[in-house]
N, C-alpha and C. Protein backbone atom coordinates (compact mmCIF):
# COMPACT_ATOMS: atom_id res chain seq x y z
N UNK A 1 6.83 -35.70 1.23
CA UNK A 1 7.75 -34.45 0.93
C UNK A 1 6.86 -33.07 1.40
N UNK A 2 7.84 -32.02 1.47
CA UNK A 2 7.38 -30.69 2.18
C UNK A 2 7.11 -30.26 1.33
N UNK A 3 5.87 -29.02 1.25
CA UNK A 3 5.22 -28.31 0.41
C UNK A 3 6.39 -26.94 0.43
N UNK A 4 6.68 -26.39 -0.57
CA UNK A 4 7.44 -25.40 -0.12
C UNK A 4 6.31 -23.75 0.22
N UNK A 5 6.92 -23.36 1.10
CA UNK A 5 5.89 -22.15 1.88
C UNK A 5 6.41 -20.66 1.62
N UNK A 6 7.74 -20.61 1.41
CA UNK A 6 7.93 -19.30 1.41
C UNK A 6 8.69 -18.88 0.10
N UNK A 7 8.23 -17.65 -0.84
CA UNK A 7 8.54 -17.46 -2.21
C UNK A 7 9.46 -16.28 -2.09
N UNK A 8 10.52 -16.19 -2.84
CA UNK A 8 10.91 -14.73 -3.21
C UNK A 8 10.09 -13.57 -3.94
N UNK A 9 10.48 -12.50 -3.84
CA UNK A 9 9.68 -11.72 -4.80
C UNK A 9 9.47 -12.03 -5.98
N UNK A 10 10.56 -12.33 -6.39
CA UNK A 10 10.35 -12.74 -8.38
C UNK A 10 9.40 -14.14 -8.42
N UNK A 11 9.68 -15.25 -7.28
CA UNK A 11 8.88 -16.26 -7.39
C UNK A 11 7.35 -15.59 -7.35
N UNK A 12 7.14 -14.70 -6.34
CA UNK A 12 5.84 -14.31 -6.02
C UNK A 12 5.23 -13.48 -7.27
N UNK A 13 6.00 -12.90 -8.01
CA UNK A 13 5.63 -12.02 -8.93
C UNK A 13 5.52 -13.13 -10.18
N UNK A 14 6.03 -14.30 -10.64
CA UNK A 14 5.57 -15.09 -11.59
C UNK A 14 4.40 -15.70 -11.01
N UNK A 15 3.93 -15.98 -9.76
CA UNK A 15 2.88 -16.46 -9.56
C UNK A 15 1.71 -15.79 -9.66
N UNK A 16 1.93 -14.67 -9.32
CA UNK A 16 0.59 -13.54 -9.44
C UNK A 16 0.72 -12.89 -11.11
N UNK A 17 2.03 -13.14 -12.03
CA UNK A 17 1.95 -12.57 -12.92
C UNK A 17 2.11 -10.86 -12.91
N UNK A 18 3.04 -10.56 -12.20
CA UNK A 18 3.30 -9.39 -11.86
C UNK A 18 4.94 -9.10 -11.52
N UNK A 19 5.26 -7.97 -11.89
CA UNK A 19 6.97 -7.47 -11.88
C UNK A 19 7.57 -7.85 -10.62
N UNK A 20 8.30 -8.24 -10.22
CA UNK A 20 9.05 -8.35 -8.73
C UNK A 20 9.21 -6.75 -7.98
N UNK A 21 9.19 -5.79 -9.03
CA UNK A 21 8.75 -4.11 -8.31
C UNK A 21 7.81 -4.32 -7.66
N UNK A 22 6.81 -4.32 -8.58
CA UNK A 22 5.48 -4.16 -8.01
C UNK A 22 5.19 -4.97 -6.93
N UNK A 23 5.53 -6.34 -6.58
CA UNK A 23 5.42 -7.09 -5.34
C UNK A 23 6.22 -6.70 -4.39
N UNK A 24 7.51 -5.99 -4.36
CA UNK A 24 8.18 -5.45 -3.59
C UNK A 24 7.34 -4.27 -2.84
N UNK A 25 7.05 -3.06 -4.02
CA UNK A 25 6.27 -2.49 -3.46
C UNK A 25 5.06 -2.80 -2.50
N UNK A 26 4.24 -3.57 -2.82
CA UNK A 26 2.79 -4.32 -2.35
C UNK A 26 3.75 -4.66 -0.83
N UNK A 27 4.52 -5.39 -1.04
CA UNK A 27 4.79 -5.75 0.31
C UNK A 27 5.19 -4.54 1.40
N UNK A 28 6.40 -3.83 0.88
CA UNK A 28 6.10 -2.58 1.60
C UNK A 28 5.27 -1.65 2.14
N UNK A 29 4.27 -1.61 1.28
CA UNK A 29 2.92 -0.83 1.43
C UNK A 29 2.05 -1.89 2.61
N UNK A 30 2.62 -3.00 2.56
CA UNK A 30 1.44 -4.07 3.53
C UNK A 30 0.33 -4.81 2.76
N UNK A 31 0.56 -4.76 1.48
CA UNK A 31 -0.69 -5.43 0.78
C UNK A 31 -0.20 -6.57 0.36
N UNK A 32 0.97 -7.18 0.27
CA UNK A 32 1.40 -8.78 0.84
C UNK A 32 1.86 -8.86 1.55
N UNK A 33 1.32 -10.12 2.53
CA UNK A 33 2.04 -10.70 3.71
C UNK A 33 3.38 -10.91 3.60
N UNK A 34 4.47 -10.40 4.18
CA UNK A 34 5.95 -10.91 3.91
C UNK A 34 6.91 -10.51 5.32
N UNK A 35 8.14 -11.13 5.15
CA UNK A 35 8.75 -10.78 5.95
C UNK A 35 10.23 -10.37 5.67
N UNK A 36 11.13 -9.83 6.13
CA UNK A 36 12.34 -9.38 5.84
C UNK A 36 13.62 -10.36 6.40
N UNK A 37 14.07 -11.20 5.71
CA UNK A 37 15.33 -11.95 6.10
C UNK A 37 16.49 -11.39 5.64
N UNK A 38 17.23 -10.74 6.45
CA UNK A 38 18.41 -10.17 5.82
C UNK A 38 18.27 -8.63 4.96
N UNK A 39 19.15 -9.32 3.78
CA UNK A 39 18.73 -8.33 2.65
C UNK A 39 17.81 -8.82 1.43
N UNK A 40 16.97 -9.94 2.09
CA UNK A 40 15.72 -10.36 1.19
C UNK A 40 14.57 -10.22 1.57
N UNK A 41 13.49 -10.46 1.09
CA UNK A 41 11.99 -10.40 1.40
C UNK A 41 11.50 -11.46 0.96
N UNK A 42 10.85 -12.66 1.69
CA UNK A 42 10.30 -13.62 1.70
C UNK A 42 8.44 -13.40 2.05
N UNK A 43 7.80 -14.13 0.85
CA UNK A 43 5.94 -14.17 1.14
C UNK A 43 6.15 -15.63 1.43
N UNK A 44 5.02 -15.34 2.49
CA UNK A 44 4.24 -16.60 2.71
C UNK A 44 3.37 -16.76 1.97
N UNK A 45 3.66 -18.38 1.10
CA UNK A 45 2.56 -18.50 0.19
C UNK A 45 1.32 -18.96 0.78
N UNK A 46 0.70 -19.47 1.76
CA UNK A 46 -0.34 -19.62 2.54
C UNK A 46 -1.16 -18.70 2.76
N UNK A 47 -0.35 -17.47 3.42
CA UNK A 47 -0.93 -16.37 3.66
C UNK A 47 -1.61 -15.36 2.61
N UNK A 48 -0.46 -15.60 1.48
CA UNK A 48 -0.60 -14.85 -0.03
C UNK A 48 -2.19 -15.55 -0.21
N UNK A 49 -2.22 -16.76 -0.38
CA UNK A 49 -3.24 -17.28 -1.21
C UNK A 49 -4.53 -17.16 -0.09
N UNK A 50 -4.63 -17.09 1.17
CA UNK A 50 -5.66 -16.85 1.77
C UNK A 50 -6.24 -15.15 1.63
N UNK A 51 -5.39 -14.44 1.62
CA UNK A 51 -5.77 -13.05 1.29
C UNK A 51 -6.31 -12.66 -0.09
N UNK A 52 -5.68 -13.47 -1.32
CA UNK A 52 -6.38 -13.88 -2.30
C UNK A 52 -7.89 -14.08 -2.09
N UNK A 53 -7.90 -15.27 -1.38
CA UNK A 53 -9.32 -15.72 -1.73
C UNK A 53 -10.35 -14.84 -0.72
N UNK A 54 -9.65 -14.20 0.44
CA UNK A 54 -10.49 -12.88 1.15
C UNK A 54 -10.82 -12.02 0.21
N UNK A 55 -10.06 -11.49 -0.74
CA UNK A 55 -10.38 -10.18 -1.48
C UNK A 55 -11.63 -10.93 -2.58
N UNK A 56 -11.18 -12.24 -3.10
CA UNK A 56 -11.98 -12.91 -4.12
C UNK A 56 -13.53 -12.44 -3.75
N UNK A 57 -13.49 -13.12 -2.35
CA UNK A 57 -14.99 -13.19 -1.79
C UNK A 57 -15.70 -11.62 -1.37
N UNK A 58 -14.68 -10.98 -1.17
CA UNK A 58 -15.01 -9.49 -1.32
C UNK A 58 -15.61 -8.84 -2.57
N UNK A 59 -15.13 -9.21 -3.46
CA UNK A 59 -15.53 -8.60 -4.67
C UNK A 59 -16.87 -9.22 -5.29
N UNK A 60 -16.63 -10.60 -5.25
CA UNK A 60 -18.04 -11.23 -5.63
C UNK A 60 -19.07 -10.71 -4.75
N UNK A 61 -19.03 -10.26 -3.61
CA UNK A 61 -19.84 -9.97 -2.38
C UNK A 61 -20.62 -8.77 -2.54
N UNK A 62 -19.95 -7.88 -3.73
CA UNK A 62 -20.51 -6.54 -3.92
C UNK A 62 -21.38 -6.22 -5.11
N UNK A 63 -22.80 -7.32 -4.98
CA UNK A 63 -23.54 -7.11 -6.00
C UNK A 63 -23.08 -7.06 -7.12
N UNK A 64 -22.33 -8.36 -7.73
CA UNK A 64 -21.99 -8.96 -8.91
C UNK A 64 -20.76 -7.77 -9.59
N UNK A 65 -20.26 -7.13 -8.80
CA UNK A 65 -19.31 -5.93 -10.07
C UNK A 65 -18.02 -7.15 -10.19
N UNK A 66 -17.63 -6.78 -11.30
CA UNK A 66 -16.51 -7.76 -11.30
C UNK A 66 -15.25 -6.55 -12.16
């Protein structure tokens, strides 16, 4: 079975518990990796998870600040 790789803005919002508007803004600002297909935007789930992992590692590596 194939694992789903691409999320809609709405699905990414549900995944991150953020509004679709916030996800769209983050995509446009380059904070969330995404591509535009026609009139819609898709977020690469694997790239998003990798970015979150990198950011989590940076936060925990700053003297324990949370």
